[in-house]
Amino acid sequence: MKDKTEIPISLRRWFIVHFIADTLFAVPLFIVPTLLLNLLNWQNIDPLMARMVAAALFGIGIESLLCIKLGKDAFIAMLNLKIIWSFAAITGFIIGLGKGLFGYPAVGVALLLIFGSFNILWIYWRLYFKKMK
């Protein structure tokens, strides 16, 4: 793979979807973390930590948008980051569910499924580039 034109359009579109998803969740989590997390019946709310999670979502989501016109190396780097981030989040949700930390367990399961789905998607694309070597 030599240039940005060799990045599948579907992967570029998934990066845009990821930007939208991250931003839609990050904005209220950053601006009104206590309100948002109370609506989700979150058991322990730390507004500072919530804003730090929002900052990570902003960073990953916005960089996903910024790199869609770049080449293979940028996509591989972002895929690696997305795989690590989503895997760590999945692990955290599993631990949280196991310890009964969600006021509404369905919220924990939904978040687990969202991050799990993205993780599978990112691993698929990462393997796609590995196969293209």
Protein backbone atom coordinates (compact mmCIF):
# COMPACT_ATOMS: atom_id res chain seq x y z
CA MET A 1 0.00 0.00 0.00
CA LYS A 2 1.54 3.26 -1.08
CA ASP A 3 -0.89 6.14 -0.61
CA LYS A 4 -4.16 7.27 0.89
CA THR A 5 -6.19 6.15 -2.10
CA GLU A 6 -5.51 2.55 -1.09
CA ILE A 7 -7.49 2.89 2.15
CA PRO A 8 -10.93 1.30 1.65
CA ILE A 9 -13.75 3.86 1.63
CA SER A 10 -15.68 1.71 4.09
CA LEU A 11 -12.89 2.07 6.66
CA ARG A 12 -12.85 5.83 6.14
CA ARG A 13 -16.62 5.84 6.73
CA TRP A 14 -16.23 3.81 9.93
CA PHE A 15 -13.74 6.38 11.18
CA ILE A 16 -16.37 9.09 10.57
CA VAL A 17 -19.01 7.02 12.38
CA HIS A 18 -16.59 6.59 15.26
CA PHE A 19 -15.95 10.35 15.38
CA ILE A 20 -19.71 10.98 15.56
CA ALA A 21 -20.31 8.32 18.24
CA ASP A 22 -17.42 9.50 20.41
CA THR A 23 -18.37 13.15 20.10
CA LEU A 24 -22.07 12.58 20.79
CA PHE A 25 -21.22 10.86 24.05
CA ALA A 26 -18.23 13.06 24.97
CA VAL A 27 -20.03 16.42 24.77
CA PRO A 28 -22.60 15.80 27.53
CA LEU A 29 -20.11 13.72 29.53
CA PHE A 30 -17.74 16.71 29.52
CA ILE A 31 -20.29 19.50 30.03
CA VAL A 32 -22.78 17.89 32.42
CA PRO A 33 -21.19 14.66 33.66
CA THR A 34 -23.24 14.36 36.84
CA LEU A 35 -26.54 14.87 35.02
CA LEU A 36 -25.67 12.36 32.28
CA LEU A 37 -24.38 9.71 34.66
CA ASN A 38 -27.34 10.17 37.02
CA LEU A 39 -29.66 9.54 34.05
CA LEU A 40 -27.77 6.28 33.49
CA ASN A 41 -28.10 5.50 37.23
CA TRP A 42 -24.31 5.41 37.57
CA GLN A 43 -23.43 4.35 41.12
CA ASN A 44 -20.27 6.37 41.77
CA ILE A 45 -19.86 9.68 40.00
CA ASP A 46 -16.58 11.56 39.88
CA PRO A 47 -17.05 14.54 37.54
CA LEU A 48 -13.30 14.97 37.06
CA MET A 49 -12.80 11.35 35.99
CA ALA A 50 -15.89 11.57 33.76
CA ARG A 51 -14.41 14.62 32.05
CA MET A 52 -11.11 12.78 31.59
CA VAL A 53 -12.99 9.93 29.87
CA ALA A 54 -14.74 12.55 27.72
CA ALA A 55 -11.32 14.02 26.87
CA ALA A 56 -10.14 10.58 25.70
CA LEU A 57 -13.30 10.20 23.62
CA PHE A 58 -12.74 13.65 22.10
CA GLY A 59 -9.12 12.84 21.33
CA ILE A 60 -9.77 9.49 19.71
CA GLY A 61 -12.92 10.64 17.91
CA ILE A 62 -11.51 13.89 16.55
CA GLU A 63 -8.27 12.25 15.46
CA SER A 64 -10.37 9.63 13.66
CA LEU A 65 -11.89 12.46 11.64
CA LEU A 66 -8.60 14.29 11.10
CA CYS A 67 -6.77 11.24 9.76
CA ILE A 68 -9.36 10.04 7.20
CA LYS A 69 -7.46 11.71 4.36
CA LEU A 70 -4.13 10.25 5.38
CA GLY A 71 -2.42 7.03 4.38
CA LYS A 72 -1.88 3.53 5.66
CA ASP A 73 0.54 4.35 8.48
CA ALA A 74 -1.89 6.81 10.06
CA PHE A 75 -4.73 4.31 9.84
CA ILE A 76 -2.64 1.52 11.35
CA ALA A 77 -1.59 3.77 14.24
CA MET A 78 -5.19 4.78 14.88
CA LEU A 79 -6.42 1.20 14.62
CA ASN A 80 -3.83 0.13 17.19
CA LEU A 81 -4.97 2.92 19.53
CA LYS A 82 -8.66 2.07 19.02
CA ILE A 83 -8.02 -1.63 19.70
CA ILE A 84 -6.12 -0.91 22.91
CA TRP A 85 -8.68 1.67 24.13
CA SER A 86 -11.73 -0.47 23.37
CA PHE A 87 -10.15 -3.62 24.88
CA ALA A 88 -9.30 -1.77 28.10
CA ALA A 89 -12.84 -0.37 28.24
CA ILE A 90 -14.32 -3.83 27.66
CA THR A 91 -12.23 -5.19 30.53
CA GLY A 92 -13.40 -2.36 32.78
CA PHE A 93 -17.06 -2.95 31.92
CA ILE A 94 -16.74 -6.69 32.59
CA ILE A 95 -15.17 -5.98 35.98
CA GLY A 96 -17.83 -3.38 36.73
CA LEU A 97 -20.65 -5.73 35.77
CA GLY A 98 -19.11 -8.53 37.82
CA LYS A 99 -18.92 -6.31 40.89
CA GLY A 100 -22.45 -4.95 40.43
CA LEU A 101 -21.26 -1.38 39.90
CA PHE A 102 -23.97 -0.41 37.43
CA GLY A 103 -27.26 0.93 38.80
CA TYR A 104 -28.83 -0.29 35.59
CA PRO A 105 -26.89 -3.41 34.52
CA ALA A 106 -28.40 -2.96 31.04
CA VAL A 107 -26.33 0.25 30.71
CA GLY A 108 -23.16 -1.70 31.45
CA VAL A 109 -24.15 -4.42 29.00
CA ALA A 110 -24.99 -1.84 26.32
CA LEU A 111 -21.62 -0.11 26.77
CA LEU A 112 -19.88 -3.48 26.72
CA LEU A 113 -21.63 -4.38 23.46
CA ILE A 114 -20.81 -1.01 21.86
CA PHE A 115 -17.13 -1.17 22.78
CA GLY A 116 -17.03 -4.89 21.93
CA SER A 117 -18.50 -4.26 18.48
CA PHE A 118 -16.03 -1.48 17.76
CA ASN A 119 -13.18 -3.66 19.03
CA ILE A 120 -14.12 -6.47 16.65
CA LEU A 121 -14.41 -3.96 13.79
CA TRP A 122 -11.00 -2.43 14.51
CA ILE A 123 -9.35 -5.84 14.85
CA TYR A 124 -10.85 -6.87 11.51
CA TRP A 125 -9.37 -3.81 9.79
CA ARG A 126 -6.03 -4.18 11.55
CA LEU A 127 -5.81 -7.77 10.30
CA TYR A 128 -6.77 -6.51 6.82
CA PHE A 129 -3.63 -4.32 6.77
CA LYS A 130 -1.49 -7.08 8.23
CA LYS A 131 -2.65 -9.39 5.44
CA MET A 132 -1.84 -6.70 2.83
CA LYS A 133 1.89 -6.64 3.72
